[in-house]
């Protein structure tokens, strides 16, 4: 669930929060996920303008990257999770 300054990851079977991520202004609720259950990846706006956080859930790792100088306006992860497209 994406809110203007946070993204919540929920366990649908229990509706419990698994994780909460702080983001920069995300008024459009941007996030993107792939559909590979063995390599699940979610991309969300980072905590600073132009930043992106990649969340690798199976590996329990996060990677923050500076993708743009201005706010992110689009995020798209490929179905396999091997590619990320962004726009600002």
Protein backbone atom coordinates (compact mmCIF):
# COMPACT_ATOMS: atom_id res chain seq x y z
CA UNK A 1 0.00 0.00 0.00
CA UNK A 2 1.56 3.30 -1.11
CA UNK A 3 0.86 6.52 0.77
CA UNK A 4 2.34 9.98 0.08
CA UNK A 5 5.39 9.38 2.31
CA UNK A 6 5.41 5.65 3.11
CA UNK A 7 4.97 2.24 1.49
CA UNK A 8 3.52 -0.59 3.59
CA UNK A 9 4.08 -4.25 2.72
CA UNK A 10 1.34 -6.48 4.13
CA UNK A 11 0.95 -10.21 4.59
CA UNK A 12 -2.46 -10.80 3.00
CA UNK A 13 -3.13 -13.95 5.01
CA UNK A 14 -2.88 -12.06 8.33
CA UNK A 15 -3.06 -8.40 7.18
CA UNK A 16 0.00 -7.71 9.34
CA UNK A 17 2.67 -5.23 8.31
CA UNK A 18 5.76 -7.02 7.06
CA UNK A 19 7.70 -3.84 6.39
CA UNK A 20 7.26 -0.05 6.22
CA UNK A 21 9.44 2.05 3.92
CA UNK A 22 9.78 5.83 4.16
CA UNK A 23 9.74 7.57 0.79
CA UNK A 24 10.14 11.04 -0.61
CA UNK A 25 6.93 12.75 -1.67
CA UNK A 26 5.04 9.96 -3.47
CA UNK A 27 1.68 11.63 -4.04
CA UNK A 28 0.93 9.35 -7.03
CA UNK A 29 1.51 6.17 -4.99
CA UNK A 30 4.27 4.88 -7.26
CA UNK A 31 5.56 1.34 -6.85
CA UNK A 32 6.31 -1.53 -9.18
CA UNK A 33 6.70 -5.27 -8.59
CA UNK A 34 7.70 -8.18 -10.76
CA UNK A 35 5.75 -11.45 -10.89
CA UNK A 36 8.50 -14.00 -10.19
CA UNK A 37 7.69 -15.67 -6.83
CA UNK A 38 11.24 -17.03 -6.55
CA UNK A 39 12.86 -13.62 -7.10
CA UNK A 40 10.27 -11.09 -5.88
CA UNK A 41 11.37 -7.49 -6.35
CA UNK A 42 9.63 -4.21 -5.53
CA UNK A 43 10.80 -0.77 -6.65
CA UNK A 44 9.64 2.34 -4.79
CA UNK A 45 10.70 5.99 -4.66
CA UNK A 46 13.63 6.55 -2.31
CA UNK A 47 13.82 8.91 0.64
CA UNK A 48 15.36 11.68 -1.49
CA UNK A 49 14.14 13.21 -4.76
CA UNK A 50 15.24 11.10 -7.71
CA UNK A 51 16.09 8.09 -5.56
CA UNK A 52 14.77 4.54 -5.97
CA UNK A 53 14.80 1.72 -3.44
CA UNK A 54 14.94 -1.82 -4.80
CA UNK A 55 13.63 -4.37 -2.30
CA UNK A 56 14.75 -7.95 -2.89
CA UNK A 57 12.42 -9.84 -0.58
CA UNK A 58 13.78 -13.38 -1.09
CA UNK A 59 17.33 -12.16 -0.38
CA UNK A 60 16.15 -9.80 2.40
CA UNK A 61 18.22 -6.99 0.88
CA UNK A 62 17.60 -3.42 -0.20
CA UNK A 63 19.50 -1.29 -2.66
CA UNK A 64 19.13 2.49 -2.86
CA UNK A 65 20.11 4.16 -6.12
CA UNK A 66 20.13 7.77 -7.29
CA UNK A 67 18.31 7.54 -10.63
CA UNK A 68 17.43 11.18 -11.34
CA UNK A 69 18.02 14.73 -10.13
CA UNK A 70 14.28 15.45 -9.80
CA UNK A 71 11.32 13.49 -8.43
CA UNK A 72 10.52 10.07 -9.87
CA UNK A 73 7.37 10.12 -12.03
CA UNK A 74 7.41 6.51 -13.28
CA UNK A 75 8.75 3.16 -12.05
CA UNK A 76 8.48 -0.12 -13.94
CA UNK A 77 10.14 -3.45 -13.10
CA UNK A 78 10.28 -6.12 -15.82
CA UNK A 79 8.36 -9.37 -15.15
CA UNK A 80 11.59 -11.23 -14.39
CA UNK A 81 12.93 -8.43 -12.18
CA UNK A 82 16.09 -8.08 -14.27
CA UNK A 83 15.33 -4.58 -15.59
CA UNK A 84 14.07 -1.31 -14.11
CA UNK A 85 12.78 1.70 -16.05
CA UNK A 86 12.38 5.09 -14.40
CA UNK A 87 11.40 8.60 -15.50
CA UNK A 88 11.39 11.94 -13.78
